[in-house]
Amino acid sequence: MSTENQIAANRLNAEKSTGPRTPEGKKRSSLNAMRHGLTGQVVVLPEEDLEAYHAFTAAIATSFNPEGANECQLAHSYATYQWRINRAAAIEDNMFSIGVTENGATLDIDNPEAHAALSNAKTYRDDCREFERLSMYSQRLVNQSEKVLRQLKECQAERQQREEAEIKEALRLYAAHLKVNGIFDPKENGFVLTAAKIKAVYRRKNLADPDFVAEEIKNGRVKAA
């Protein structure tokens, strides 16, 4: 239990602490919030971290070319786990860096490399439980990310199998609608394939047809050399 002197000292320290006063300090301590477009959840991080988080997770998630809400959710979850894994590793590095700073006065060693090595050893010895907790946390993140990645790959494999089974019939119906200038809506006809994907496959399959290519050039979709 805190003594009256400790309580008084805490109050005095609180009164003295006014937070960052310079513009640079205020910027470092400021938090920024972003509502993620996919999940709808609000992420609150320091401004620089938020920008890095968004760029990092977006790059990983889009690399999977996810389609549909479920795939996008799994891709984003995997990307977020990778961010958290990297953050845990950075925390471990920073814990050792703090140790080097704090041990500067207690370890009187002239050689910088020897000083850093012994500071790291002393830091780990003094805070081994915290390092073990961080290691367990990191391993859980790795395990969870691997589970999400398996789910994402299974989901995409299932979709691709359905697409392969549908593509011939979808192309036949799309071609029939083109002949009468009709609009073919895959969803209304029970296809998992998107209209853009059907159109792209149809175009690739017909690029060897001179009449088709001539029509593409005529409509400005292909440039003649």
C-alpha atoms as a PDB file:
ATOM      1  CA  MET A   1       0.000   0.000   0.000  1.00  0.00           C
ATOM      2  CA  SER A   2       1.313   3.469  -0.813  1.00  0.00           C
ATOM      3  CA  THR A   3       2.365   5.663   2.083  1.00  0.00           C
ATOM      4  CA  GLU A   4       1.197   9.270   2.469  1.00  0.00           C
ATOM      5  CA  ASN A   5       4.649  10.474   1.432  1.00  0.00           C
ATOM      6  CA  GLN A   6       4.527   8.350  -1.738  1.00  0.00           C
ATOM      7  CA  ILE A   7       1.055   9.629  -2.599  1.00  0.00           C
ATOM      8  CA  ALA A   8       2.204  13.206  -2.100  1.00  0.00           C
ATOM      9  CA  ALA A   9       5.280  12.622  -4.254  1.00  0.00           C
ATOM     10  CA  ASN A  10       3.146  11.122  -7.025  1.00  0.00           C
ATOM     11  CA  ARG A  11       0.831  14.131  -6.973  1.00  0.00           C
ATOM     12  CA  LEU A  12       3.793  16.505  -7.150  1.00  0.00           C
ATOM     13  CA  ASN A  13       5.255  14.630 -10.106  1.00  0.00           C
ATOM     14  CA  ALA A  14       1.883  14.681 -11.865  1.00  0.00           C
ATOM     15  CA  GLU A  15       1.665  18.448 -11.441  1.00  0.00           C
ATOM     16  CA  LYS A  16       5.155  18.871 -12.869  1.00  0.00           C
ATOM     17  CA  SER A  17       4.417  16.634 -15.856  1.00  0.00           C
ATOM     18  CA  THR A  18       2.816  18.799 -18.536  1.00  0.00           C
ATOM     19  CA  GLY A  19       3.541  16.481 -21.450  1.00  0.00           C
ATOM     20  CA  PRO A  20       5.489  17.465 -24.536  1.00  0.00           C
ATOM     21  CA  ARG A  21       5.882  21.209 -24.972  1.00  0.00           C
ATOM     22  CA  THR A  22       7.675  21.591 -28.308  1.00  0.00           C
ATOM     23  CA  PRO A  23       5.868  21.117 -31.635  1.00  0.00           C
ATOM     24  CA  GLU A  24       8.164  18.172 -32.393  1.00  0.00           C
ATOM     25  CA  GLY A  25       7.359  16.535 -29.062  1.00  0.00           C
ATOM     26  CA  LYS A  26       3.644  17.073 -29.470  1.00  0.00           C
ATOM     27  CA  LYS A  27       3.787  15.539 -32.949  1.00  0.00           C
ATOM     28  CA  ARG A  28       5.599  12.468 -31.634  1.00  0.00           C
ATOM     29  CA  SER A  29       3.060  11.958 -28.873  1.00  0.00           C
ATOM     30  CA  SER A  30      -0.018  12.635 -31.005  1.00  0.00           C
ATOM     31  CA  LEU A  31      -2.263   9.764 -31.966  1.00  0.00           C
ATOM     32  CA  ASN A  32      -4.078   9.339 -35.215  1.00  0.00           C
ATOM     33  CA  ALA A  33      -7.109   7.193 -35.965  1.00  0.00           C
ATOM     34  CA  MET A  34      -8.098   5.427 -39.165  1.00  0.00           C
ATOM     35  CA  ARG A  35     -11.290   3.538 -39.868  1.00  0.00           C
ATOM     36  CA  HIS A  36     -10.265   0.592 -41.998  1.00  0.00           C
ATOM     37  CA  GLY A  37     -12.243   0.425 -45.215  1.00  0.00           C
ATOM     38  CA  LEU A  38     -12.587  -3.358 -45.102  1.00  0.00           C
ATOM     39  CA  THR A  39     -13.240  -4.171 -41.456  1.00  0.00           C
ATOM     40  CA  GLY A  40     -14.859  -0.906 -40.402  1.00  0.00           C
ATOM     41  CA  GLN A  41     -12.773  -0.993 -37.225  1.00  0.00           C
ATOM     42  CA  VAL A  42     -10.953   2.082 -35.941  1.00  0.00           C
ATOM     43  CA  VAL A  43      -7.176   1.710 -35.591  1.00  0.00           C
ATOM     44  CA  VAL A  44      -5.444   4.235 -33.326  1.00  0.00           C
ATOM     45  CA  LEU A  45      -1.664   4.573 -33.629  1.00  0.00           C
ATOM     46  CA  PRO A  46       0.927   7.350 -33.604  1.00  0.00           C
ATOM     47  CA  GLU A  47       0.733   9.209 -36.900  1.00  0.00           C
ATOM     48  CA  GLU A  48       3.938   7.804 -38.402  1.00  0.00           C
ATOM     49  CA  ASP A  49       3.095   4.260 -37.257  1.00  0.00           C
ATOM     50  CA  LEU A  50      -0.395   4.498 -38.738  1.00  0.00           C
ATOM     51  CA  GLU A  51       0.966   5.402 -42.166  1.00  0.00           C
ATOM     52  CA  ALA A  52       3.504   2.575 -41.988  1.00  0.00           C
ATOM     53  CA  TYR A  53       0.837   0.134 -40.787  1.00  0.00           C
ATOM     54  CA  HIS A  54      -1.526   0.999 -43.617  1.00  0.00           C
ATOM     55  CA  ALA A  55       1.190   0.758 -46.305  1.00  0.00           C
ATOM     56  CA  PHE A  56       2.569  -2.510 -44.916  1.00  0.00           C
ATOM     57  CA  THR A  57      -0.726  -4.356 -44.491  1.00  0.00           C
ATOM     58  CA  ALA A  58      -2.182  -3.075 -47.763  1.00  0.00           C
ATOM     59  CA  ALA A  59       0.840  -4.313 -49.742  1.00  0.00           C
ATOM     60  CA  ILE A  60       0.671  -7.804 -48.237  1.00  0.00           C
ATOM     61  CA  ALA A  61      -3.116  -8.126 -48.489  1.00  0.00           C
ATOM     62  CA  THR A  62      -3.268  -7.035 -52.140  1.00  0.00           C
ATOM     63  CA  SER A  63      -0.418  -9.411 -53.068  1.00  0.00           C
ATOM     64  CA  PHE A  64      -2.881 -12.305 -52.596  1.00  0.00           C
ATOM     65  CA  ASN A  65      -5.320 -10.776 -55.130  1.00  0.00           C
ATOM     66  CA  PRO A  66      -8.256 -11.570 -52.836  1.00  0.00           C
ATOM     67  CA  GLU A  67     -11.769 -11.640 -54.221  1.00  0.00           C
ATOM     68  CA  GLY A  68     -14.910 -11.307 -52.149  1.00  0.00           C
ATOM     69  CA  ALA A  69     -15.371 -10.237 -48.549  1.00  0.00           C
ATOM     70  CA  ASN A  70     -14.152 -13.482 -46.997  1.00  0.00           C
ATOM     71  CA  GLU A  71     -10.858 -13.601 -48.903  1.00  0.00           C
ATOM     72  CA  CYS A  72     -10.256  -9.897 -48.272  1.00  0.00           C
ATOM     73  CA  GLN A  73     -10.850 -10.378 -44.545  1.00  0.00           C
ATOM     74  CA  LEU A  74      -8.437 -13.324 -44.365  1.00  0.00           C
ATOM     75  CA  ALA A  75      -5.799 -11.481 -46.392  1.00  0.00           C
ATOM     76  CA  HIS A  76      -6.064  -8.435 -44.127  1.00  0.00           C
ATOM     77  CA  SER A  77      -5.903 -10.599 -40.992  1.00  0.00           C
ATOM     78  CA  TYR A  78      -2.748 -12.304 -42.236  1.00  0.00           C
ATOM     79  CA  ALA A  79      -1.151  -8.948 -43.074  1.00  0.00           C
ATOM     80  CA  THR A  80      -2.018  -7.619 -39.618  1.00  0.00           C
ATOM     81  CA  TYR A  81      -0.458 -10.657 -37.952  1.00  0.00           C
ATOM     82  CA  GLN A  82       2.753 -10.011 -39.912  1.00  0.00           C
ATOM     83  CA  TRP A  83       2.756  -6.414 -38.671  1.00  0.00           C
ATOM     84  CA  ARG A  84       2.363  -7.582 -35.086  1.00  0.00           C
ATOM     85  CA  ILE A  85       5.126 -10.186 -35.482  1.00  0.00           C
ATOM     86  CA  ASN A  86       7.482  -7.497 -36.741  1.00  0.00           C
ATOM     87  CA  ARG A  87       6.417  -5.179 -33.923  1.00  0.00           C
ATOM     88  CA  ALA A  88       7.207  -7.856 -31.326  1.00  0.00           C
ATOM     89  CA  ALA A  89      10.671  -8.303 -32.844  1.00  0.00           C
ATOM     90  CA  ALA A  90      11.192  -4.535 -32.745  1.00  0.00           C
ATOM     91  CA  ILE A  91      10.131  -4.447 -29.092  1.00  0.00           C
ATOM     92  CA  GLU A  92      12.737  -7.088 -28.270  1.00  0.00           C
ATOM     93  CA  ASP A  93      15.441  -5.080 -30.046  1.00  0.00           C
ATOM     94  CA  ASN A  94      14.354  -1.930 -28.236  1.00  0.00           C
ATOM     95  CA  MET A  95      14.426  -3.716 -24.882  1.00  0.00           C
ATOM     96  CA  PHE A  96      18.085  -4.549 -25.485  1.00  0.00           C
ATOM     97  CA  SER A  97      18.741  -0.968 -26.612  1.00  0.00           C
ATOM     98  CA  ILE A  98      17.226   0.336 -23.385  1.00  0.00           C
ATOM     99  CA  GLY A  99      19.508  -2.050 -21.524  1.00  0.00           C
ATOM    100  CA  VAL A 100      22.583  -0.641 -23.273  1.00  0.00           C
ATOM    101  CA  THR A 101      21.509   2.869 -22.279  1.00  0.00           C
ATOM    102  CA  GLU A 102      20.728   1.974 -18.670  1.00  0.00           C
ATOM    103  CA  ASN A 103      23.881  -0.086 -18.221  1.00  0.00           C
ATOM    104  CA  GLY A 104      26.142   2.692 -19.453  1.00  0.00           C
ATOM    105  CA  ALA A 105      27.043   3.767 -15.927  1.00  0.00           C
ATOM    106  CA  THR A 106      27.184   0.307 -14.350  1.00  0.00           C
ATOM    107  CA  LEU A 107      29.368  -1.346 -16.975  1.00  0.00           C
ATOM    108  CA  ASP A 108      32.632   0.537 -17.289  1.00  0.00           C
ATOM    109  CA  ILE A 109      33.888  -1.055 -20.511  1.00  0.00           C
ATOM    110  CA  ASP A 110      35.769   0.955 -23.121  1.00  0.00           C
ATOM    111  CA  ASN A 111      35.290  -1.428 -26.049  1.00  0.00           C
ATOM    112  CA  PRO A 112      31.885  -0.568 -27.645  1.00  0.00           C
ATOM    113  CA  GLU A 113      31.231  -4.078 -28.961  1.00  0.00           C
ATOM    114  CA  ALA A 114      32.091  -5.720 -25.639  1.00  0.00           C
ATOM    115  CA  HIS A 115      29.952  -3.165 -23.829  1.00  0.00           C
ATOM    116  CA  ALA A 116      26.963  -3.871 -26.096  1.00  0.00           C
ATOM    117  CA  ALA A 117      27.371  -7.646 -25.771  1.00  0.00           C
ATOM    118  CA  LEU A 118      27.580  -7.590 -21.978  1.00  0.00           C
ATOM    119  CA  SER A 119      24.759  -5.062 -21.734  1.00  0.00           C
ATOM    120  CA  ASN A 120      22.551  -7.396 -23.750  1.00  0.00           C
ATOM    121  CA  ALA A 121      23.454 -10.313 -21.517  1.00  0.00           C
ATOM    122  CA  LYS A 122      22.765  -8.300 -18.367  1.00  0.00           C
ATOM    123  CA  THR A 123      19.473  -7.010 -19.771  1.00  0.00           C
ATOM    124  CA  TYR A 124      18.298 -10.526 -20.565  1.00  0.00           C
ATOM    125  CA  ARG A 125      19.399 -11.831 -17.161  1.00  0.00           C
ATOM    126  CA  ASP A 126      17.588  -9.044 -15.347  1.00  0.00           C
ATOM    127  CA  ASP A 127      14.395  -9.236 -17.445  1.00  0.00           C
ATOM    128  CA  CYS A 128      14.400 -12.843 -18.685  1.00  0.00           C
ATOM    129  CA  ARG A 129      10.722 -13.301 -17.770  1.00  0.00           C
ATOM    130  CA  GLU A 130       9.704 -10.356 -19.942  1.00  0.00           C
ATOM    131  CA  PHE A 131      11.721 -11.753 -22.848  1.00  0.00           C
ATOM    132  CA  GLU A 132      10.123 -15.173 -22.373  1.00  0.00           C
ATOM    133  CA  ARG A 133       6.653 -13.620 -22.355  1.00  0.00           C
ATOM    134  CA  LEU A 134       7.486 -11.713 -25.535  1.00  0.00           C
ATOM    135  CA  SER A 135       8.780 -14.908 -27.155  1.00  0.00           C
ATOM    136  CA  MET A 136       5.569 -16.771 -26.282  1.00  0.00           C
ATOM    137  CA  TYR A 137       3.509 -13.877 -27.648  1.00  0.00           C
ATOM    138  CA  SER A 138       5.502 -13.894 -30.902  1.00  0.00           C
ATOM    139  CA  GLN A 139       5.089 -17.659 -31.323  1.00  0.00           C
ATOM    140  CA  ARG A 140       1.337 -17.377 -30.849  1.00  0.00           C
ATOM    141  CA  LEU A 141       1.204 -14.712 -33.525  1.00  0.00           C
ATOM    142  CA  VAL A 142       3.194 -16.932 -35.904  1.00  0.00           C
ATOM    143  CA  ASN A 143       0.887 -19.887 -35.256  1.00  0.00           C
ATOM    144  CA  GLN A 144      -2.235 -17.774 -35.745  1.00  0.00           C
ATOM    145  CA  SER A 145      -0.885 -16.203 -38.940  1.00  0.00           C
ATOM    146  CA  GLU A 146      -0.108 -19.650 -40.387  1.00  0.00           C
ATOM    147  CA  LYS A 147      -3.647 -20.798 -39.581  1.00  0.00           C
ATOM    148  CA  VAL A 148      -5.142 -17.758 -41.311  1.00  0.00           C
ATOM    149  CA  LEU A 149      -2.872 -18.266 -44.331  1.00  0.00           C
ATOM    150  CA  ARG A 150      -4.067 -21.870 -44.682  1.00  0.00           C
ATOM    151  CA  GLN A 151      -7.676 -20.710 -44.520  1.00  0.00           C
ATOM    152  CA  LEU A 152      -7.027 -18.072 -47.171  1.00  0.00           C
ATOM    153  CA  LYS A 153      -5.351 -20.547 -49.529  1.00  0.00           C
ATOM    154  CA  GLU A 154      -8.161 -23.071 -49.048  1.00  0.00           C
ATOM    155  CA  CYS A 155     -10.773 -20.402 -49.722  1.00  0.00           C
ATOM    156  CA  GLN A 156      -9.006 -19.267 -52.885  1.00  0.00           C
ATOM    157  CA  ALA A 157      -8.460 -22.838 -54.092  1.00  0.00           C
ATOM    158  CA  GLU A 158     -12.170 -23.563 -53.674  1.00  0.00           C
ATOM    159  CA  ARG A 159     -13.101 -20.433 -55.604  1.00  0.00           C
ATOM    160  CA  GLN A 160     -10.645 -21.240 -58.387  1.00  0.00           C
ATOM    161  CA  GLN A 161     -12.068 -24.758 -58.725  1.00  0.00           C
ATOM    162  CA  ARG A 162     -15.555 -23.325 -59.069  1.00  0.00           C
ATOM    163  CA  GLU A 163     -14.325 -20.817 -61.640  1.00  0.00           C
ATOM    164  CA  GLU A 164     -12.647 -23.532 -63.706  1.00  0.00           C
ATOM    165  CA  ALA A 165     -15.855 -25.556 -63.657  1.00  0.00           C
ATOM    166  CA  GLU A 166     -17.915 -22.549 -64.735  1.00  0.00           C
ATOM    167  CA  ILE A 167     -15.692 -20.864 -67.307  1.00  0.00           C
ATOM    168  CA  LYS A 168     -16.741 -22.828 -70.422  1.00  0.00           C
ATOM    169  CA  GLU A 169     -20.446 -22.317 -69.855  1.00  0.00           C
ATOM    170  CA  ALA A 170     -19.911 -18.684 -68.854  1.00  0.00           C
ATOM    171  CA  LEU A 171     -17.935 -17.985 -72.036  1.00  0.00           C
ATOM    172  CA  ARG A 172     -20.628 -19.603 -74.169  1.00  0.00           C
ATOM    173  CA  LEU A 173     -23.369 -17.477 -72.620  1.00  0.00           C
ATOM    174  CA  TYR A 174     -21.229 -14.326 -72.753  1.00  0.00           C
ATOM    175  CA  ALA A 175     -20.538 -14.840 -76.458  1.00  0.00           C
ATOM    176  CA  ALA A 176     -24.267 -15.358 -77.122  1.00  0.00           C
ATOM    177  CA  HIS A 177     -25.104 -12.087 -75.375  1.00  0.00           C
ATOM    178  CA  LEU A 178     -22.404 -10.242 -77.344  1.00  0.00           C
ATOM    179  CA  LYS A 179     -23.953 -11.288 -80.653  1.00  0.00           C
ATOM    180  CA  VAL A 180     -27.200  -9.503 -79.762  1.00  0.00           C
ATOM    181  CA  ASN A 181     -25.491  -6.645 -77.845  1.00  0.00           C
ATOM    182  CA  GLY A 182     -26.980  -7.969 -74.633  1.00  0.00           C
ATOM    183  CA  ILE A 183     -25.647  -7.573 -71.104  1.00  0.00           C
ATOM    184  CA  PHE A 184     -24.601 -10.780 -69.394  1.00  0.00           C
ATOM    185  CA  ASP A 185     -24.727 -10.641 -65.584  1.00  0.00           C
ATOM    186  CA  PRO A 186     -22.910 -13.651 -64.076  1.00  0.00           C
ATOM    187  CA  LYS A 187     -24.435 -13.248 -60.619  1.00  0.00           C
ATOM    188  CA  GLU A 188     -27.987 -13.284 -61.953  1.00  0.00           C
ATOM    189  CA  ASN A 189     -27.146 -16.567 -63.655  1.00  0.00           C
ATOM    190  CA  GLY A 190     -25.580 -18.184 -60.583  1.00  0.00           C
ATOM    191  CA  PHE A 191     -21.905 -17.841 -61.519  1.00  0.00           C
ATOM    192  CA  VAL A 192     -19.145 -17.111 -59.031  1.00  0.00           C
ATOM    193  CA  LEU A 193     -17.088 -15.612 -61.856  1.00  0.00           C
ATOM    194  CA  THR A 194     -17.151 -11.840 -62.218  1.00  0.00           C
ATOM    195  CA  ALA A 195     -18.112 -10.145 -65.475  1.00  0.00           C
ATOM    196  CA  ALA A 196     -14.635  -8.587 -65.713  1.00  0.00           C
ATOM    197  CA  LYS A 197     -12.953 -11.979 -65.413  1.00  0.00           C
ATOM    198  CA  ILE A 198     -15.216 -13.586 -68.016  1.00  0.00           C
ATOM    199  CA  LYS A 199     -14.569 -10.695 -70.380  1.00  0.00           C
ATOM    200  CA  ALA A 200     -10.797 -10.929 -69.877  1.00  0.00           C
ATOM    201  CA  VAL A 201     -10.729 -14.701 -70.528  1.00  0.00           C
ATOM    202  CA  TYR A 202     -12.954 -14.310 -73.583  1.00  0.00           C
ATOM    203  CA  ARG A 203     -10.653 -11.641 -74.989  1.00  0.00           C
ATOM    204  CA  ARG A 204      -7.505 -13.722 -74.456  1.00  0.00           C
ATOM    205  CA  LYS A 205      -9.067 -16.743 -76.144  1.00  0.00           C
ATOM    206  CA  ASN A 206      -9.970 -14.694 -79.219  1.00  0.00           C
ATOM    207  CA  LEU A 207      -6.829 -12.606 -79.719  1.00  0.00           C
ATOM    208  CA  ALA A 208      -5.672 -15.117 -82.368  1.00  0.00           C
ATOM    209  CA  ASP A 209      -8.817 -14.440 -84.418  1.00  0.00           C
ATOM    210  CA  PRO A 210      -8.065 -11.743 -87.078  1.00  0.00           C
ATOM    211  CA  ASP A 211     -11.691 -10.616 -87.209  1.00  0.00           C
ATOM    212  CA  PHE A 212     -11.782 -10.189 -83.450  1.00  0.00           C
ATOM    213  CA  VAL A 213      -8.510  -8.247 -83.423  1.00  0.00           C
ATOM    214  CA  ALA A 214      -9.751  -6.031 -86.255  1.00  0.00           C
ATOM    215  CA  GLU A 215     -12.862  -5.234 -84.246  1.00  0.00           C
ATOM    216  CA  GLU A 216     -10.706  -4.484 -81.190  1.00  0.00           C
ATOM    217  CA  ILE A 217      -8.588  -2.061 -83.238  1.00  0.00           C
ATOM    218  CA  LYS A 218     -11.689  -0.465 -84.713  1.00  0.00           C
ATOM    219  CA  ASN A 219     -13.089   0.169 -81.249  1.00  0.00           C
ATOM    220  CA  GLY A 220      -9.771   1.528 -79.965  1.00  0.00           C
ATOM    221  CA  ARG A 221      -9.148  -1.317 -77.549  1.00  0.00           C
ATOM    222  CA  VAL A 222      -6.028  -2.476 -79.385  1.00  0.00           C
ATOM    223  CA  LYS A 223      -3.482  -0.159 -81.013  1.00  0.00           C
ATOM    224  CA  ALA A 224      -2.150  -1.138 -84.398  1.00  0.00           C
ATOM    225  CA  ALA A 225       1.679  -1.172 -84.664  1.00  0.00           C
END
